[in-house]
Amino acid sequence: MRAIWKGSVSFGLVNVPVKLYSATESHDVSFRQVHAKDGGRIKYQRICSIDGEEVAYADIAKGYETEDGEMVILTDDDMADLPVTSSREIAVEKFVPRDQIDPMLLEKSYYLEPEKTGAKPYALLRQALLEADRMAVVTVALRQRTTVAVLRVKDDVIVLQTMMWPDEIRTPDFSVEVGEVKDAEVTMANMLVETLAGDFDASEFEDDYAEAVQELVKAKIEGGEIKRTPTSTKSSGEVVDLLAALQKSVEAAKTARGEEPAEESEKKKPAKKTTKKSTAKKAAKKKAS
């Protein structure tokens, strides 16, 4: 793990120097858009919707679209005047009960590691959060923008979780209308809940889709169903796998044409016979030399 931010947690007069690490990583399966014929990647041009011309990166600006469809162009000077901060402080604003933080507000998680000089106050803050059963609401500047976050304890580590702003949580614009709910139905629903009750164990759940995709890709590689493009880069280990896959493809193609695989052909080749006559000639030749 590599620290992505260094700063300090401050609460009261206590200052805890820390490093910030991303606590999560996505294992979601991603695909590239390619040409089905040869596997070439699809490129996208930056085309202006008004004049239809390709736009160079140097000519691209930030635009803010208003509700009525008007476009406001923001220059680099405009952006420079916006309020930004480069503070390296995680400032504790208050300690609040855990149940007051709506999980929908929580966004990205980070681990906080104390510097050597901050180990003791780090442990002090961690213990205080545990015993009070509270979270610390903090403000922190990440990527030059100030955001609200919370500090909580996971195992022996303090975790910082950034929060969405309240106006980013959408309000459902629909209502759920049901008829009369009978007592017997409620009792049966409660029985079902009790039947399926248990403790959460994340290891019980697996990403079947990602595993299925990996198995599918592996099968296609072993079967030689791949497209080699000029931009393909392979490590030495992967080249060996590729050669093995190509060899299997060659053997499969020969079998399909009715030819015998190379291994079978080698097995059926007659062994070279060594006659007494040839042995005598070799001995005489050796003696003469």
C-alpha atoms as a PDB file:
ATOM      1  CA  MET A   1       0.000   0.000   0.000  1.00  0.00           C
ATOM      2  CA  ARG A   2       1.201   3.503  -0.813  1.00  0.00           C
ATOM      3  CA  ALA A   3       0.253   6.583   1.193  1.00  0.00           C
ATOM      4  CA  ILE A   4      -1.748   9.037  -0.918  1.00  0.00           C
ATOM      5  CA  TRP A   5      -1.817  11.878   1.615  1.00  0.00           C
ATOM      6  CA  LYS A   6       0.092  12.989   4.701  1.00  0.00           C
ATOM      7  CA  GLY A   7      -1.177  15.323   7.379  1.00  0.00           C
ATOM      8  CA  SER A   8      -2.452  15.262  10.919  1.00  0.00           C
ATOM      9  CA  VAL A   9      -5.604  14.728  12.936  1.00  0.00           C
ATOM     10  CA  SER A  10      -6.282  17.541  15.382  1.00  0.00           C
ATOM     11  CA  PHE A  11      -8.781  17.405  18.222  1.00  0.00           C
ATOM     12  CA  GLY A  12      -8.515  20.018  20.924  1.00  0.00           C
ATOM     13  CA  LEU A  13      -4.833  20.616  21.549  1.00  0.00           C
ATOM     14  CA  VAL A  14      -3.897  17.092  20.485  1.00  0.00           C
ATOM     15  CA  ASN A  15      -2.226  16.638  17.102  1.00  0.00           C
ATOM     16  CA  VAL A  16      -1.724  13.215  15.514  1.00  0.00           C
ATOM     17  CA  PRO A  17       0.529  13.042  12.412  1.00  0.00           C
ATOM     18  CA  VAL A  18      -0.880  10.403  10.055  1.00  0.00           C
ATOM     19  CA  LYS A  19      -0.647   8.876   6.591  1.00  0.00           C
ATOM     20  CA  LEU A  20      -3.725   8.191   4.480  1.00  0.00           C
ATOM     21  CA  TYR A  21      -4.195   4.984   2.489  1.00  0.00           C
ATOM     22  CA  SER A  22      -7.053   3.999   0.217  1.00  0.00           C
ATOM     23  CA  ALA A  23      -8.915   1.249   2.093  1.00  0.00           C
ATOM     24  CA  THR A  24     -10.732  -0.239  -0.888  1.00  0.00           C
ATOM     25  CA  GLU A  25     -10.015  -1.281  -4.452  1.00  0.00           C
ATOM     26  CA  SER A  26     -12.427  -2.204  -7.199  1.00  0.00           C
ATOM     27  CA  HIS A  27     -12.341  -5.721  -8.635  1.00  0.00           C
ATOM     28  CA  ASP A  28     -15.150  -5.004 -11.040  1.00  0.00           C
ATOM     29  CA  VAL A  29     -14.742  -6.588 -14.477  1.00  0.00           C
ATOM     30  CA  SER A  30     -14.009  -4.026 -17.182  1.00  0.00           C
ATOM     31  CA  PHE A  31     -14.115  -4.491 -20.923  1.00  0.00           C
ATOM     32  CA  ARG A  32     -12.663  -2.491 -23.821  1.00  0.00           C
ATOM     33  CA  GLN A  33     -14.598  -1.642 -26.938  1.00  0.00           C
ATOM     34  CA  VAL A  34     -12.798  -3.292 -29.856  1.00  0.00           C
ATOM     35  CA  HIS A  35     -13.270  -4.126 -33.505  1.00  0.00           C
ATOM     36  CA  ALA A  36     -14.772  -7.640 -33.562  1.00  0.00           C
ATOM     37  CA  LYS A  37     -12.846  -8.473 -36.739  1.00  0.00           C
ATOM     38  CA  ASP A  38      -9.280  -7.925 -35.512  1.00  0.00           C
ATOM     39  CA  GLY A  39      -9.468  -6.884 -31.859  1.00  0.00           C
ATOM     40  CA  GLY A  40      -8.284  -3.317 -32.499  1.00  0.00           C
ATOM     41  CA  ARG A  41      -9.312  -0.804 -29.837  1.00  0.00           C
ATOM     42  CA  ILE A  42     -11.936   1.753 -30.791  1.00  0.00           C
ATOM     43  CA  LYS A  43     -10.654   5.338 -30.707  1.00  0.00           C
ATOM     44  CA  TYR A  44     -12.819   8.355 -30.020  1.00  0.00           C
ATOM     45  CA  GLN A  45     -12.243  11.742 -31.576  1.00  0.00           C
ATOM     46  CA  ARG A  46     -12.961  15.036 -29.849  1.00  0.00           C
ATOM     47  CA  ILE A  47     -15.531  16.456 -32.259  1.00  0.00           C
ATOM     48  CA  CYS A  48     -17.262  19.784 -31.694  1.00  0.00           C
ATOM     49  CA  SER A  49     -21.038  19.337 -31.851  1.00  0.00           C
ATOM     50  CA  ILE A  50     -21.453  22.736 -33.591  1.00  0.00           C
ATOM     51  CA  ASP A  51     -18.851  22.929 -36.370  1.00  0.00           C
ATOM     52  CA  GLY A  52     -18.114  19.196 -36.602  1.00  0.00           C
ATOM     53  CA  GLU A  53     -14.344  19.743 -36.401  1.00  0.00           C
ATOM     54  CA  GLU A  54     -11.882  17.799 -34.258  1.00  0.00           C
ATOM     55  CA  VAL A  55     -10.755  19.815 -31.225  1.00  0.00           C
ATOM     56  CA  ALA A  56      -7.194  19.759 -29.882  1.00  0.00           C
ATOM     57  CA  TYR A  57      -6.679  19.285 -26.147  1.00  0.00           C
ATOM     58  CA  ALA A  58      -5.252  22.828 -25.925  1.00  0.00           C
ATOM     59  CA  ASP A  59      -8.561  24.230 -27.149  1.00  0.00           C
ATOM     60  CA  ILE A  60     -10.741  22.340 -24.670  1.00  0.00           C
ATOM     61  CA  ALA A  61     -12.163  24.388 -21.788  1.00  0.00           C
ATOM     62  CA  LYS A  62     -14.482  23.653 -18.882  1.00  0.00           C
ATOM     63  CA  GLY A  63     -18.125  24.469 -19.483  1.00  0.00           C
ATOM     64  CA  TYR A  64     -21.008  24.699 -17.026  1.00  0.00           C
ATOM     65  CA  GLU A  65     -24.433  24.014 -18.543  1.00  0.00           C
ATOM     66  CA  THR A  66     -27.335  25.925 -17.027  1.00  0.00           C
ATOM     67  CA  GLU A  67     -30.814  24.479 -16.531  1.00  0.00           C
ATOM     68  CA  ASP A  68     -32.072  26.199 -19.700  1.00  0.00           C
ATOM     69  CA  GLY A  69     -29.259  24.724 -21.813  1.00  0.00           C
ATOM     70  CA  GLU A  70     -26.947  27.747 -21.940  1.00  0.00           C
ATOM     71  CA  MET A  71     -23.212  27.030 -21.728  1.00  0.00           C
ATOM     72  CA  VAL A  72     -20.943  29.116 -19.502  1.00  0.00           C
ATOM     73  CA  ILE A  73     -17.250  28.849 -20.413  1.00  0.00           C
ATOM     74  CA  LEU A  74     -14.849  28.836 -17.447  1.00  0.00           C
ATOM     75  CA  THR A  75     -11.233  29.801 -18.122  1.00  0.00           C
ATOM     76  CA  ASP A  76      -8.144  28.772 -16.159  1.00  0.00           C
ATOM     77  CA  ASP A  77      -8.165  32.205 -14.515  1.00  0.00           C
ATOM     78  CA  ASP A  78     -11.780  31.679 -13.447  1.00  0.00           C
ATOM     79  CA  MET A  79     -10.900  28.328 -11.913  1.00  0.00           C
ATOM     80  CA  ALA A  80      -7.899  29.835 -10.122  1.00  0.00           C
ATOM     81  CA  ASP A  81     -10.190  32.253  -8.294  1.00  0.00           C
ATOM     82  CA  LEU A  82     -12.342  29.462  -6.841  1.00  0.00           C
ATOM     83  CA  PRO A  83     -11.892  28.635  -3.139  1.00  0.00           C
ATOM     84  CA  VAL A  84      -9.401  25.807  -2.818  1.00  0.00           C
ATOM     85  CA  THR A  85      -7.353  24.600   0.087  1.00  0.00           C
ATOM     86  CA  SER A  86      -4.166  22.659   0.540  1.00  0.00           C
ATOM     87  CA  SER A  87      -4.493  22.199   4.292  1.00  0.00           C
ATOM     88  CA  ARG A  88      -2.903  19.066   5.710  1.00  0.00           C
ATOM     89  CA  GLU A  89      -5.162  18.945   8.728  1.00  0.00           C
ATOM     90  CA  ILE A  90      -8.024  16.606   9.565  1.00  0.00           C
ATOM     91  CA  ALA A  91      -9.918  18.822  11.962  1.00  0.00           C
ATOM     92  CA  VAL A  92     -12.327  17.155  14.386  1.00  0.00           C
ATOM     93  CA  GLU A  93     -15.472  19.293  14.578  1.00  0.00           C
ATOM     94  CA  LYS A  94     -17.479  17.156  17.017  1.00  0.00           C
ATOM     95  CA  PHE A  95     -18.026  13.613  18.294  1.00  0.00           C
ATOM     96  CA  VAL A  96     -21.495  12.283  17.461  1.00  0.00           C
ATOM     97  CA  PRO A  97     -23.414   9.049  18.226  1.00  0.00           C
ATOM     98  CA  ARG A  98     -22.825   6.398  15.589  1.00  0.00           C
ATOM     99  CA  ASP A  99     -26.539   5.970  14.843  1.00  0.00           C
ATOM    100  CA  GLN A 100     -26.838   9.622  13.793  1.00  0.00           C
ATOM    101  CA  ILE A 101     -24.718   9.019  10.672  1.00  0.00           C
ATOM    102  CA  ASP A 102     -26.909   7.825   7.821  1.00  0.00           C
ATOM    103  CA  PRO A 103     -24.975   5.101   5.910  1.00  0.00           C
ATOM    104  CA  MET A 104     -26.190   6.655   2.639  1.00  0.00           C
ATOM    105  CA  LEU A 105     -23.947   9.646   3.348  1.00  0.00           C
ATOM    106  CA  LEU A 106     -20.771   7.541   3.585  1.00  0.00           C
ATOM    107  CA  GLU A 107     -18.655   7.451   0.456  1.00  0.00           C
ATOM    108  CA  LYS A 108     -14.978   6.393   0.135  1.00  0.00           C
ATOM    109  CA  SER A 109     -12.931   4.777   2.918  1.00  0.00           C
ATOM    110  CA  TYR A 110      -9.313   5.402   3.897  1.00  0.00           C
ATOM    111  CA  TYR A 111      -7.028   3.901   6.524  1.00  0.00           C
ATOM    112  CA  LEU A 112      -5.151   6.255   8.846  1.00  0.00           C
ATOM    113  CA  GLU A 113      -1.678   5.144   9.926  1.00  0.00           C
ATOM    114  CA  PRO A 114       0.101   7.128  12.635  1.00  0.00           C
ATOM    115  CA  GLU A 115       3.617   8.405  12.183  1.00  0.00           C
ATOM    116  CA  LYS A 116       6.022   7.130  14.837  1.00  0.00           C
ATOM    117  CA  THR A 117       5.733  10.339  16.828  1.00  0.00           C
ATOM    118  CA  GLY A 118       1.925  10.107  16.791  1.00  0.00           C
ATOM    119  CA  ALA A 119       1.454   6.510  17.907  1.00  0.00           C
ATOM    120  CA  LYS A 120       0.394   7.335  21.471  1.00  0.00           C
ATOM    121  CA  PRO A 121      -2.170  10.091  20.697  1.00  0.00           C
ATOM    122  CA  TYR A 122      -3.452   7.877  17.839  1.00  0.00           C
ATOM    123  CA  ALA A 123      -4.106   5.075  20.320  1.00  0.00           C
ATOM    124  CA  LEU A 124      -5.709   7.582  22.672  1.00  0.00           C
ATOM    125  CA  LEU A 125      -8.144   8.792  19.982  1.00  0.00           C
ATOM    126  CA  ARG A 126      -8.907   5.224  18.940  1.00  0.00           C
ATOM    127  CA  GLN A 127      -9.714   4.179  22.490  1.00  0.00           C
ATOM    128  CA  ALA A 128     -11.838   7.269  23.085  1.00  0.00           C
ATOM    129  CA  LEU A 129     -13.938   6.558  19.990  1.00  0.00           C
ATOM    130  CA  LEU A 130     -14.466   2.953  21.058  1.00  0.00           C
ATOM    131  CA  GLU A 131     -15.443   3.679  24.637  1.00  0.00           C
ATOM    132  CA  ALA A 132     -17.746   6.552  23.706  1.00  0.00           C
ATOM    133  CA  ASP A 133     -19.277   4.536  20.851  1.00  0.00           C
ATOM    134  CA  ARG A 134     -19.136   7.668  18.716  1.00  0.00           C
ATOM    135  CA  MET A 135     -17.784   8.853  15.398  1.00  0.00           C
ATOM    136  CA  ALA A 136     -15.707  11.977  14.926  1.00  0.00           C
ATOM    137  CA  VAL A 137     -17.102  14.373  12.321  1.00  0.00           C
ATOM    138  CA  VAL A 138     -14.140  16.044  10.605  1.00  0.00           C
ATOM    139  CA  THR A 139     -13.317  18.387   7.747  1.00  0.00           C
ATOM    140  CA  VAL A 140     -10.429  17.504   5.459  1.00  0.00           C
ATOM    141  CA  ALA A 141      -8.992  18.838   2.215  1.00  0.00           C
ATOM    142  CA  LEU A 142      -8.504  16.110  -0.396  1.00  0.00           C
ATOM    143  CA  ARG A 143      -7.597  16.975  -3.987  1.00  0.00           C
ATOM    144  CA  GLN A 144      -7.776  20.689  -3.114  1.00  0.00           C
ATOM    145  CA  ARG A 145     -11.412  20.474  -2.040  1.00  0.00           C
ATOM    146  CA  THR A 146     -12.686  20.540   1.509  1.00  0.00           C
ATOM    147  CA  THR A 147     -15.063  17.740   2.361  1.00  0.00           C
ATOM    148  CA  VAL A 148     -16.822  16.412   5.434  1.00  0.00           C
ATOM    149  CA  ALA A 149     -15.842  12.978   6.717  1.00  0.00           C
ATOM    150  CA  VAL A 150     -16.072  10.787   9.790  1.00  0.00           C
ATOM    151  CA  LEU A 151     -13.488   8.884  11.787  1.00  0.00           C
ATOM    152  CA  ARG A 152     -14.415   5.483  13.143  1.00  0.00           C
ATOM    153  CA  VAL A 153     -12.542   2.434  14.376  1.00  0.00           C
ATOM    154  CA  LYS A 154     -12.250  -0.823  12.431  1.00  0.00           C
ATOM    155  CA  ASP A 155     -10.328  -3.519  14.269  1.00  0.00           C
ATOM    156  CA  ASP A 156      -7.268  -1.622  15.546  1.00  0.00           C
ATOM    157  CA  VAL A 157      -7.188   1.016  12.820  1.00  0.00           C
ATOM    158  CA  ILE A 158      -8.879   4.398  12.552  1.00  0.00           C
ATOM    159  CA  VAL A 159     -10.794   4.701   9.290  1.00  0.00           C
ATOM    160  CA  LEU A 160     -11.670   7.974   7.599  1.00  0.00           C
ATOM    161  CA  GLN A 161     -14.803   7.852   5.459  1.00  0.00           C
ATOM    162  CA  THR A 162     -15.650  10.820   3.272  1.00  0.00           C
ATOM    163  CA  MET A 163     -19.290  11.872   3.175  1.00  0.00           C
ATOM    164  CA  MET A 164     -21.590  13.143   0.487  1.00  0.00           C
ATOM    165  CA  TRP A 165     -23.216  16.522   0.966  1.00  0.00           C
ATOM    166  CA  PRO A 166     -26.848  16.340   2.149  1.00  0.00           C
ATOM    167  CA  ASP A 167     -28.185  17.766  -1.120  1.00  0.00           C
ATOM    168  CA  GLU A 168     -26.502  14.899  -3.011  1.00  0.00           C
ATOM    169  CA  ILE A 169     -28.874  12.381  -1.428  1.00  0.00           C
ATOM    170  CA  ARG A 170     -31.938  12.145  -3.628  1.00  0.00           C
ATOM    171  CA  THR A 171     -35.442  12.104  -2.210  1.00  0.00           C
ATOM    172  CA  PRO A 172     -37.665   9.374  -3.701  1.00  0.00           C
ATOM    173  CA  ASP A 173     -40.412  10.900  -5.802  1.00  0.00           C
ATOM    174  CA  PHE A 174     -42.744   7.942  -5.395  1.00  0.00           C
ATOM    175  CA  SER A 175     -44.887   6.581  -2.602  1.00  0.00           C
ATOM    176  CA  VAL A 176     -45.634   2.995  -1.680  1.00  0.00           C
ATOM    177  CA  GLU A 177     -49.314   2.311  -1.245  1.00  0.00           C
ATOM    178  CA  VAL A 178     -50.521  -1.022   0.070  1.00  0.00           C
ATOM    179  CA  GLY A 179     -53.813  -2.401   1.223  1.00  0.00           C
ATOM    180  CA  GLU A 180     -54.587  -3.750   4.638  1.00  0.00           C
ATOM    181  CA  VAL A 181     -51.827  -5.821   6.204  1.00  0.00           C
ATOM    182  CA  LYS A 182     -53.214  -8.675   8.265  1.00  0.00           C
ATOM    183  CA  ASP A 183     -51.774  -9.697  11.618  1.00  0.00           C
ATOM    184  CA  ALA A 184     -51.255 -13.246  10.377  1.00  0.00           C
ATOM    185  CA  GLU A 185     -49.159 -11.935   7.474  1.00  0.00           C
ATOM    186  CA  VAL A 186     -47.029  -9.853   9.812  1.00  0.00           C
ATOM    187  CA  THR A 187     -46.532 -12.872  12.084  1.00  0.00           C
ATOM    188  CA  MET A 188     -45.492 -15.016   9.127  1.00  0.00           C
ATOM    189  CA  ALA A 189     -43.068 -12.318   7.904  1.00  0.00           C
ATOM    190  CA  ASN A 190     -41.514 -12.144  11.362  1.00  0.00           C
ATOM    191  CA  MET A 191     -41.109 -15.918  11.400  1.00  0.00           C
ATOM    192  CA  LEU A 192     -39.331 -15.740   8.051  1.00  0.00           C
ATOM    193  CA  VAL A 193     -36.971 -13.062   9.380  1.00  0.00           C
ATOM    194  CA  GLU A 194     -36.145 -15.200  12.411  1.00  0.00           C
ATOM    195  CA  THR A 195     -35.584 -18.236  10.198  1.00  0.00           C
ATOM    196  CA  LEU A 196     -33.043 -16.360   8.076  1.00  0.00           C
ATOM    197  CA  ALA A 197     -31.483 -14.466  10.995  1.00  0.00           C
ATOM    198  CA  GLY A 198     -27.712 -14.714  11.439  1.00  0.00           C
ATOM    199  CA  ASP A 199     -24.434 -12.807  11.672  1.00  0.00           C
ATOM    200  CA  PHE A 200     -22.889 -11.130   8.647  1.00  0.00           C
ATOM    201  CA  ASP A 201     -19.757 -12.758   7.260  1.00  0.00           C
ATOM    202  CA  ALA A 202     -18.462 -11.110   4.090  1.00  0.00           C
ATOM    203  CA  SER A 203     -16.451 -14.231   3.159  1.00  0.00           C
ATOM    204  CA  GLU A 204     -19.705 -16.114   2.576  1.00  0.00           C
ATOM    205  CA  PHE A 205     -20.371 -14.047  -0.543  1.00  0.00           C
ATOM    206  CA  GLU A 206     -18.440 -14.296  -3.803  1.00  0.00           C
ATOM    207  CA  ASP A 207     -18.389 -12.320  -7.024  1.00  0.00           C
ATOM    208  CA  ASP A 208     -19.651 -15.114  -9.284  1.00  0.00           C
ATOM    209  CA  TYR A 209     -19.781 -12.819 -12.326  1.00  0.00           C
ATOM    210  CA  ALA A 210     -16.090 -11.806 -12.142  1.00  0.00           C
ATOM    211  CA  GLU A 211     -15.015 -15.414 -11.605  1.00  0.00           C
ATOM    212  CA  ALA A 212     -17.139 -16.601 -14.542  1.00  0.00           C
ATOM    213  CA  VAL A 213     -15.623 -13.938 -16.821  1.00  0.00           C
ATOM    214  CA  GLN A 214     -12.098 -14.921 -15.791  1.00  0.00           C
ATOM    215  CA  GLU A 215     -12.816 -18.594 -16.463  1.00  0.00           C
ATOM    216  CA  LEU A 216     -14.336 -17.708 -19.843  1.00  0.00           C
ATOM    217  CA  VAL A 217     -11.298 -15.625 -20.833  1.00  0.00           C
ATOM    218  CA  LYS A 218      -8.918 -18.339 -19.629  1.00  0.00           C
ATOM    219  CA  ALA A 219     -10.743 -20.950 -21.707  1.00  0.00           C
ATOM    220  CA  LYS A 220     -10.565 -18.766 -24.808  1.00  0.00           C
ATOM    221  CA  ILE A 221      -6.824 -18.158 -24.306  1.00  0.00           C
ATOM    222  CA  GLU A 222      -6.155 -21.872 -23.913  1.00  0.00           C
ATOM    223  CA  GLY A 223      -8.220 -22.498 -27.030  1.00  0.00           C
ATOM    224  CA  GLY A 224      -6.252 -19.956 -29.037  1.00  0.00           C
ATOM    225  CA  GLU A 225      -9.228 -17.618 -29.451  1.00  0.00           C
ATOM    226  CA  ILE A 226      -7.224 -14.413 -29.120  1.00  0.00           C
ATOM    227  CA  LYS A 227      -6.362 -11.441 -31.304  1.00  0.00           C
ATOM    228  CA  ARG A 228      -2.742 -10.260 -31.351  1.00  0.00           C
ATOM    229  CA  THR A 229      -2.565  -6.530 -31.987  1.00  0.00           C
ATOM    230  CA  PRO A 230       0.481  -4.260 -32.451  1.00  0.00           C
ATOM    231  CA  THR A 231      -0.162  -2.679 -29.047  1.00  0.00           C
ATOM    232  CA  SER A 232      -0.246  -5.984 -27.187  1.00  0.00           C
ATOM    233  CA  THR A 233       2.356  -6.242 -24.428  1.00  0.00           C
ATOM    234  CA  LYS A 234       3.042  -9.465 -22.609  1.00  0.00           C
ATOM    235  CA  SER A 235       5.388 -10.429 -19.811  1.00  0.00           C
ATOM    236  CA  SER A 236       7.667 -13.439 -20.211  1.00  0.00           C
ATOM    237  CA  GLY A 237       5.324 -15.686 -18.246  1.00  0.00           C
ATOM    238  CA  GLU A 238       2.350 -14.691 -20.360  1.00  0.00           C
ATOM    239  CA  VAL A 239       4.284 -15.303 -23.580  1.00  0.00           C
ATOM    240  CA  VAL A 240       4.851 -18.891 -22.499  1.00  0.00           C
ATOM    241  CA  ASP A 241       1.121 -19.292 -21.935  1.00  0.00           C
ATOM    242  CA  LEU A 242       0.447 -17.740 -25.332  1.00  0.00           C
ATOM    243  CA  LEU A 243       2.868 -20.088 -27.085  1.00  0.00           C
ATOM    244  CA  ALA A 244       1.254 -23.045 -25.365  1.00  0.00           C
ATOM    245  CA  ALA A 245      -2.157 -21.851 -26.480  1.00  0.00           C
ATOM    246  CA  LEU A 246      -0.944 -21.367 -30.064  1.00  0.00           C
ATOM    247  CA  GLN A 247       0.628 -24.829 -30.049  1.00  0.00           C
ATOM    248  CA  LYS A 248      -2.680 -26.320 -28.948  1.00  0.00           C
ATOM    249  CA  SER A 249      -4.426 -24.371 -31.690  1.00  0.00           C
ATOM    250  CA  VAL A 250      -2.039 -25.758 -34.329  1.00  0.00           C
ATOM    251  CA  GLU A 251      -2.582 -29.298 -33.105  1.00  0.00           C
ATOM    252  CA  ALA A 252      -6.350 -28.766 -33.076  1.00  0.00           C
ATOM    253  CA  ALA A 253      -6.249 -27.429 -36.641  1.00  0.00           C
ATOM    254  CA  LYS A 254      -4.216 -30.428 -37.817  1.00  0.00           C
ATOM    255  CA  THR A 255      -6.645 -32.802 -36.136  1.00  0.00           C
ATOM    256  CA  ALA A 256      -9.547 -31.033 -37.823  1.00  0.00           C
ATOM    257  CA  ARG A 257      -7.857 -31.573 -41.224  1.00  0.00           C
ATOM    258  CA  GLY A 258      -7.321 -35.242 -40.458  1.00  0.00           C
ATOM    259  CA  GLU A 259      -3.602 -34.896 -39.813  1.00  0.00           C
ATOM    260  CA  GLU A 260      -1.987 -36.531 -36.842  1.00  0.00           C
ATOM    261  CA  PRO A 261      -0.664 -34.314 -34.040  1.00  0.00           C
ATOM    262  CA  ALA A 262       3.103 -33.895 -33.913  1.00  0.00           C
ATOM    263  CA  GLU A 263       3.456 -36.026 -30.784  1.00  0.00           C
ATOM    264  CA  GLU A 264       1.575 -38.948 -32.345  1.00  0.00           C
ATOM    265  CA  SER A 265       3.637 -38.674 -35.542  1.00  0.00           C
ATOM    266  CA  GLU A 266       6.860 -38.836 -33.566  1.00  0.00           C
ATOM    267  CA  LYS A 267       5.623 -41.904 -31.704  1.00  0.00           C
ATOM    268  CA  LYS A 268       4.796 -43.722 -34.962  1.00  0.00           C
ATOM    269  CA  LYS A 269       8.153 -42.980 -36.670  1.00  0.00           C
ATOM    270  CA  PRO A 270      10.164 -46.228 -37.006  1.00  0.00           C
ATOM    271  CA  ALA A 271      13.206 -46.327 -34.780  1.00  0.00           C
ATOM    272  CA  LYS A 272      16.596 -46.318 -36.547  1.00  0.00           C
ATOM    273  CA  LYS A 273      17.993 -49.869 -36.696  1.00  0.00           C
ATOM    274  CA  THR A 274      21.672 -50.498 -36.005  1.00  0.00           C
ATOM    275  CA  THR A 275      22.854 -53.538 -37.987  1.00  0.00           C
ATOM    276  CA  LYS A 276      25.992 -55.508 -37.371  1.00  0.00           C
ATOM    277  CA  LYS A 277      27.333 -54.392 -40.752  1.00  0.00           C
ATOM    278  CA  SER A 278      26.988 -50.721 -39.994  1.00  0.00           C
ATOM    279  CA  THR A 279      28.517 -51.292 -36.556  1.00  0.00           C
ATOM    280  CA  ALA A 280      31.543 -53.002 -38.107  1.00  0.00           C
ATOM    281  CA  LYS A 281      32.022 -50.144 -40.589  1.00  0.00           C
ATOM    282  CA  LYS A 282      31.956 -47.567 -37.785  1.00  0.00           C
ATOM    283  CA  ALA A 283      34.511 -49.579 -35.789  1.00  0.00           C
ATOM    284  CA  ALA A 284      36.858 -49.889 -38.796  1.00  0.00           C
ATOM    285  CA  LYS A 285      36.565 -46.184 -39.533  1.00  0.00           C
ATOM    286  CA  LYS A 286      37.347 -45.331 -35.905  1.00  0.00           C
ATOM    287  CA  LYS A 287      40.403 -47.657 -35.924  1.00  0.00           C
ATOM    288  CA  ALA A 288      41.765 -46.081 -39.134  1.00  0.00           C
ATOM    289  CA  SER A 289      41.450 -42.582 -37.713  1.00  0.00           C
END
